[in-house]
Amino acid sequence: MDISKNKEYIENILNAPIGQYIEKEGAEILSLCVADELHIKADEFLFHKGDLTQSFYLVTKGRFALVQEMKNGKLHFLHVLQKGDLLGELSFIDDTPHIVSVIALNNASVYQFKTESIKPLIVSEPMFMFNFMRAIIKRVHHTVRAINRQQKDLTEYIASGGKGRS
């Protein structure tokens, strides 16, 4: 692996929210597991609901939206993710199809981590894997809280008849 590319991987992982949980040693371990750097154009999907990718992704550039694809072709936006956020980590862990689709809102990039690179770390790096799982769970809790806040704000707005909107 190109040493300068690996340093870039480590830096991006450390600067992501997950970096605070896995620290420098964990970022170094995870950097060696980057399978690919994918570049997604605006309005292209990273994956669709129902896909089984056996990968998770770290956003390194741009923004992505978690969306529900409606039967009429429209998208229902659920949440926006940006640089440093993880995508697909739950389906990666429990080996289930994705429950929402993910679309790039602008030109974006992600690091792709595949099962075959991560799974051996359970035996070879158990402390890293423990910290990694803790980090994922904390990020999921953070995302759920953000979605709940948005839902509460929307419900209050609807209940007020739109009053208080500036």
C-alpha atoms as a PDB file:
ATOM      1  CA  MET A   1       0.000   0.000   0.000  1.00  0.00           C
ATOM      2  CA  ASP A   2       1.155   3.532  -0.782  1.00  0.00           C
ATOM      3  CA  ILE A   3       2.383   5.032   2.534  1.00  0.00           C
ATOM      4  CA  SER A   4       1.024   8.522   1.734  1.00  0.00           C
ATOM      5  CA  LYS A   5      -2.391   7.018   0.920  1.00  0.00           C
ATOM      6  CA  ASN A   6      -2.353   5.074   4.193  1.00  0.00           C
ATOM      7  CA  LYS A   7      -1.505   8.278   6.122  1.00  0.00           C
ATOM      8  CA  GLU A   8      -4.485   9.938   4.431  1.00  0.00           C
ATOM      9  CA  TYR A   9      -6.713   7.011   5.466  1.00  0.00           C
ATOM     10  CA  ILE A  10      -5.493   7.239   9.072  1.00  0.00           C
ATOM     11  CA  GLU A  11      -6.046  11.002   9.190  1.00  0.00           C
ATOM     12  CA  ASN A  12      -9.585  10.765   7.794  1.00  0.00           C
ATOM     13  CA  ILE A  13     -10.492   7.947  10.191  1.00  0.00           C
ATOM     14  CA  LEU A  14      -9.047   9.823  13.189  1.00  0.00           C
ATOM     15  CA  ASN A  15     -10.933  13.008  12.235  1.00  0.00           C
ATOM     16  CA  ALA A  16     -14.222  11.113  11.928  1.00  0.00           C
ATOM     17  CA  PRO A  17     -16.418  10.673  15.018  1.00  0.00           C
ATOM     18  CA  ILE A  18     -15.384   7.001  15.160  1.00  0.00           C
ATOM     19  CA  GLY A  19     -11.771   8.149  15.617  1.00  0.00           C
ATOM     20  CA  GLN A  20     -12.386   9.340  19.166  1.00  0.00           C
ATOM     21  CA  TYR A  21     -13.361   5.805  20.179  1.00  0.00           C
ATOM     22  CA  ILE A  22     -10.752   3.754  18.348  1.00  0.00           C
ATOM     23  CA  GLU A  23      -7.907   6.291  18.715  1.00  0.00           C
ATOM     24  CA  LYS A  24      -4.684   6.334  16.685  1.00  0.00           C
ATOM     25  CA  GLU A  25      -3.852   2.641  17.037  1.00  0.00           C
ATOM     26  CA  GLY A  26      -7.374   1.682  15.967  1.00  0.00           C
ATOM     27  CA  ALA A  27      -7.275   4.133  13.050  1.00  0.00           C
ATOM     28  CA  GLU A  28      -4.028   2.528  11.918  1.00  0.00           C
ATOM     29  CA  ILE A  29      -5.607  -0.937  12.084  1.00  0.00           C
ATOM     30  CA  LEU A  30      -8.770   0.204  10.275  1.00  0.00           C
ATOM     31  CA  SER A  31      -6.760   2.053   7.609  1.00  0.00           C
ATOM     32  CA  LEU A  32      -5.269  -1.261   6.510  1.00  0.00           C
ATOM     33  CA  CYS A  33      -8.808  -2.565   5.891  1.00  0.00           C
ATOM     34  CA  VAL A  34      -9.877   0.071   3.353  1.00  0.00           C
ATOM     35  CA  ALA A  35     -10.943  -2.047   0.375  1.00  0.00           C
ATOM     36  CA  ASP A  36     -11.597   0.843  -1.993  1.00  0.00           C
ATOM     37  CA  GLU A  37     -12.275   4.552  -2.221  1.00  0.00           C
ATOM     38  CA  LEU A  38     -15.517   5.025  -4.145  1.00  0.00           C
ATOM     39  CA  HIS A  39     -16.442   8.274  -5.877  1.00  0.00           C
ATOM     40  CA  ILE A  40     -20.201   8.801  -6.232  1.00  0.00           C
ATOM     41  CA  LYS A  41     -21.672  11.545  -8.405  1.00  0.00           C
ATOM     42  CA  ALA A  42     -24.511  13.792  -7.238  1.00  0.00           C
ATOM     43  CA  ASP A  43     -27.890  12.015  -7.345  1.00  0.00           C
ATOM     44  CA  GLU A  44     -26.314   8.553  -7.666  1.00  0.00           C
ATOM     45  CA  PHE A  45     -27.142   5.841  -5.170  1.00  0.00           C
ATOM     46  CA  LEU A  46     -24.487   4.193  -3.025  1.00  0.00           C
ATOM     47  CA  PHE A  47     -26.974   1.393  -2.366  1.00  0.00           C
ATOM     48  CA  HIS A  48     -30.716   0.774  -2.411  1.00  0.00           C
ATOM     49  CA  LYS A  49     -33.088  -0.578   0.196  1.00  0.00           C
ATOM     50  CA  GLY A  50     -32.928  -4.360   0.045  1.00  0.00           C
ATOM     51  CA  ASP A  51     -29.330  -4.524  -1.207  1.00  0.00           C
ATOM     52  CA  LEU A  52     -26.954  -6.767   0.713  1.00  0.00           C
ATOM     53  CA  THR A  53     -23.535  -5.164   0.286  1.00  0.00           C
ATOM     54  CA  GLN A  54     -21.436  -6.887   2.987  1.00  0.00           C
ATOM     55  CA  SER A  55     -19.617  -3.560   3.343  1.00  0.00           C
ATOM     56  CA  PHE A  56     -19.807  -0.435   5.391  1.00  0.00           C
ATOM     57  CA  TYR A  57     -18.593   2.990   4.350  1.00  0.00           C
ATOM     58  CA  LEU A  58     -16.946   6.075   5.846  1.00  0.00           C
ATOM     59  CA  VAL A  59     -17.888   9.359   4.168  1.00  0.00           C
ATOM     60  CA  THR A  60     -14.700  11.217   3.202  1.00  0.00           C
ATOM     61  CA  LYS A  61     -16.184  13.948   1.001  1.00  0.00           C
ATOM     62  CA  GLY A  62     -19.621  15.374   0.276  1.00  0.00           C
ATOM     63  CA  ARG A  63     -23.001  14.547   1.749  1.00  0.00           C
ATOM     64  CA  PHE A  64     -25.368  11.605   1.508  1.00  0.00           C
ATOM     65  CA  ALA A  65     -29.042  11.256   2.365  1.00  0.00           C
ATOM     66  CA  LEU A  66     -30.795   8.269   3.863  1.00  0.00           C
ATOM     67  CA  VAL A  67     -33.979   8.049   1.795  1.00  0.00           C
ATOM     68  CA  GLN A  68     -37.061   5.973   1.273  1.00  0.00           C
ATOM     69  CA  GLU A  69     -37.801   5.479  -2.413  1.00  0.00           C
ATOM     70  CA  MET A  70     -41.533   5.984  -2.932  1.00  0.00           C
ATOM     71  CA  LYS A  71     -43.599   4.081  -5.508  1.00  0.00           C
ATOM     72  CA  ASN A  72     -44.213   7.316  -7.424  1.00  0.00           C
ATOM     73  CA  GLY A  73     -40.437   7.725  -7.908  1.00  0.00           C
ATOM     74  CA  LYS A  74     -40.067  10.483  -5.332  1.00  0.00           C
ATOM     75  CA  LEU A  75     -37.633  10.304  -2.448  1.00  0.00           C
ATOM     76  CA  HIS A  76     -38.572  10.766   1.195  1.00  0.00           C
ATOM     77  CA  PHE A  77     -35.505  12.193   2.959  1.00  0.00           C
ATOM     78  CA  LEU A  78     -34.862  10.771   6.417  1.00  0.00           C
ATOM     79  CA  HIS A  79     -31.433  12.026   7.421  1.00  0.00           C
ATOM     80  CA  VAL A  80     -28.327  13.651   5.954  1.00  0.00           C
ATOM     81  CA  LEU A  81     -24.836  12.303   6.583  1.00  0.00           C
ATOM     82  CA  GLN A  82     -21.584  14.117   5.922  1.00  0.00           C
ATOM     83  CA  LYS A  83     -17.825  13.741   6.112  1.00  0.00           C
ATOM     84  CA  GLY A  84     -16.842  11.385   8.904  1.00  0.00           C
ATOM     85  CA  ASP A  85     -20.182   9.602   9.172  1.00  0.00           C
ATOM     86  CA  LEU A  86     -20.569   5.860   8.710  1.00  0.00           C
ATOM     87  CA  LEU A  87     -23.015   4.299   6.241  1.00  0.00           C
ATOM     88  CA  GLY A  88     -24.326   0.750   6.161  1.00  0.00           C
ATOM     89  CA  GLU A  89     -22.694  -0.280   9.407  1.00  0.00           C
ATOM     90  CA  LEU A  90     -25.776  -1.968  10.881  1.00  0.00           C
ATOM     91  CA  SER A  91     -26.416  -4.151   7.847  1.00  0.00           C
ATOM     92  CA  PHE A  92     -22.713  -4.929   7.832  1.00  0.00           C
ATOM     93  CA  ILE A  93     -22.797  -6.128  11.441  1.00  0.00           C
ATOM     94  CA  ASP A  94     -25.990  -8.176  11.309  1.00  0.00           C
ATOM     95  CA  ASP A  95     -25.610  -9.289   7.652  1.00  0.00           C
ATOM     96  CA  THR A  96     -29.069  -8.101   6.618  1.00  0.00           C
ATOM     97  CA  PRO A  97     -30.241  -6.115   3.591  1.00  0.00           C
ATOM     98  CA  HIS A  98     -30.230  -2.338   3.922  1.00  0.00           C
ATOM     99  CA  ILE A  99     -33.487  -0.889   5.259  1.00  0.00           C
ATOM    100  CA  VAL A 100     -33.140   2.456   3.438  1.00  0.00           C
ATOM    101  CA  SER A 101     -31.470   3.719   0.288  1.00  0.00           C
ATOM    102  CA  VAL A 102     -28.501   6.102   0.285  1.00  0.00           C
ATOM    103  CA  ILE A 103     -28.054   8.787  -2.364  1.00  0.00           C
ATOM    104  CA  ALA A 104     -25.253  11.318  -2.852  1.00  0.00           C
ATOM    105  CA  LEU A 105     -26.474  14.903  -2.541  1.00  0.00           C
ATOM    106  CA  ASN A 106     -23.370  16.205  -4.320  1.00  0.00           C
ATOM    107  CA  ASN A 107     -20.177  14.673  -5.666  1.00  0.00           C
ATOM    108  CA  ALA A 108     -19.010  12.541  -2.777  1.00  0.00           C
ATOM    109  CA  SER A 109     -16.500   9.883  -1.761  1.00  0.00           C
ATOM    110  CA  VAL A 110     -16.425   7.033   0.731  1.00  0.00           C
ATOM    111  CA  TYR A 111     -13.976   4.461   1.982  1.00  0.00           C
ATOM    112  CA  GLN A 112     -15.400   0.980   1.567  1.00  0.00           C
ATOM    113  CA  PHE A 113     -14.666  -1.674   4.202  1.00  0.00           C
ATOM    114  CA  LYS A 114     -15.585  -5.258   3.314  1.00  0.00           C
ATOM    115  CA  THR A 115     -16.420  -8.184   5.573  1.00  0.00           C
ATOM    116  CA  GLU A 116     -13.392 -10.222   4.503  1.00  0.00           C
ATOM    117  CA  SER A 117     -11.057  -7.452   5.752  1.00  0.00           C
ATOM    118  CA  ILE A 118     -12.839  -6.758   9.038  1.00  0.00           C
ATOM    119  CA  LYS A 119     -13.923 -10.215  10.205  1.00  0.00           C
ATOM    120  CA  PRO A 120     -10.380 -11.545  10.895  1.00  0.00           C
ATOM    121  CA  LEU A 121      -9.848  -8.640  13.328  1.00  0.00           C
ATOM    122  CA  ILE A 122     -12.288 -10.292  15.755  1.00  0.00           C
ATOM    123  CA  VAL A 123      -9.553 -12.817  16.558  1.00  0.00           C
ATOM    124  CA  SER A 124      -6.394 -10.813  15.840  1.00  0.00           C
ATOM    125  CA  GLU A 125      -7.486  -7.451  17.347  1.00  0.00           C
ATOM    126  CA  PRO A 126     -10.292  -8.106  19.884  1.00  0.00           C
ATOM    127  CA  MET A 127      -9.834  -4.840  21.831  1.00  0.00           C
ATOM    128  CA  PHE A 128      -9.984  -2.844  18.602  1.00  0.00           C
ATOM    129  CA  MET A 129     -13.163  -4.684  17.600  1.00  0.00           C
ATOM    130  CA  PHE A 130     -14.733  -3.994  21.015  1.00  0.00           C
ATOM    131  CA  ASN A 131     -13.973  -0.260  20.658  1.00  0.00           C
ATOM    132  CA  PHE A 132     -15.147  -0.316  17.055  1.00  0.00           C
ATOM    133  CA  MET A 133     -18.509  -1.873  18.015  1.00  0.00           C
ATOM    134  CA  ARG A 134     -18.902   0.625  20.877  1.00  0.00           C
ATOM    135  CA  ALA A 135     -18.253   3.451  18.431  1.00  0.00           C
ATOM    136  CA  ILE A 136     -20.865   2.160  16.006  1.00  0.00           C
ATOM    137  CA  ILE A 137     -23.466   1.804  18.752  1.00  0.00           C
ATOM    138  CA  LYS A 138     -22.755   5.337  20.019  1.00  0.00           C
ATOM    139  CA  ARG A 139     -23.077   6.731  16.487  1.00  0.00           C
ATOM    140  CA  VAL A 140     -26.373   4.905  15.987  1.00  0.00           C
ATOM    141  CA  HIS A 141     -27.685   6.368  19.252  1.00  0.00           C
ATOM    142  CA  HIS A 142     -26.575   9.827  18.085  1.00  0.00           C
ATOM    143  CA  THR A 143     -28.331   9.404  14.726  1.00  0.00           C
ATOM    144  CA  VAL A 144     -31.539   8.108  16.341  1.00  0.00           C
ATOM    145  CA  ARG A 145     -31.561  11.100  18.731  1.00  0.00           C
ATOM    146  CA  ALA A 146     -31.107  13.498  15.784  1.00  0.00           C
ATOM    147  CA  ILE A 147     -33.940  11.861  13.837  1.00  0.00           C
ATOM    148  CA  ASN A 148     -36.179  11.942  16.934  1.00  0.00           C
ATOM    149  CA  ARG A 149     -35.439  15.672  17.411  1.00  0.00           C
ATOM    150  CA  GLN A 150     -36.325  16.336  13.769  1.00  0.00           C
ATOM    151  CA  GLN A 151     -39.535  14.317  14.117  1.00  0.00           C
ATOM    152  CA  LYS A 152     -40.476  16.173  17.318  1.00  0.00           C
ATOM    153  CA  ASP A 153     -39.833  19.562  15.664  1.00  0.00           C
ATOM    154  CA  LEU A 154     -41.933  18.560  12.665  1.00  0.00           C
ATOM    155  CA  THR A 155     -44.768  17.280  14.875  1.00  0.00           C
ATOM    156  CA  GLU A 156     -44.750  20.521  16.895  1.00  0.00           C
ATOM    157  CA  TYR A 157     -44.748  22.580  13.713  1.00  0.00           C
ATOM    158  CA  ILE A 158     -47.706  20.647  12.297  1.00  0.00           C
ATOM    159  CA  ALA A 159     -49.581  20.838  15.616  1.00  0.00           C
ATOM    160  CA  SER A 160     -49.091  24.631  15.732  1.00  0.00           C
ATOM    161  CA  GLY A 161     -50.557  25.009  12.258  1.00  0.00           C
ATOM    162  CA  GLY A 162     -47.254  26.345  11.006  1.00  0.00           C
ATOM    163  CA  LYS A 163     -47.051  29.164  13.537  1.00  0.00           C
ATOM    164  CA  GLY A 164     -43.661  30.295  14.650  1.00  0.00           C
ATOM    165  CA  ARG A 165     -42.034  29.668  11.298  1.00  0.00           C
ATOM    166  CA  SER A 166     -39.808  32.540  10.252  1.00  0.00           C
END
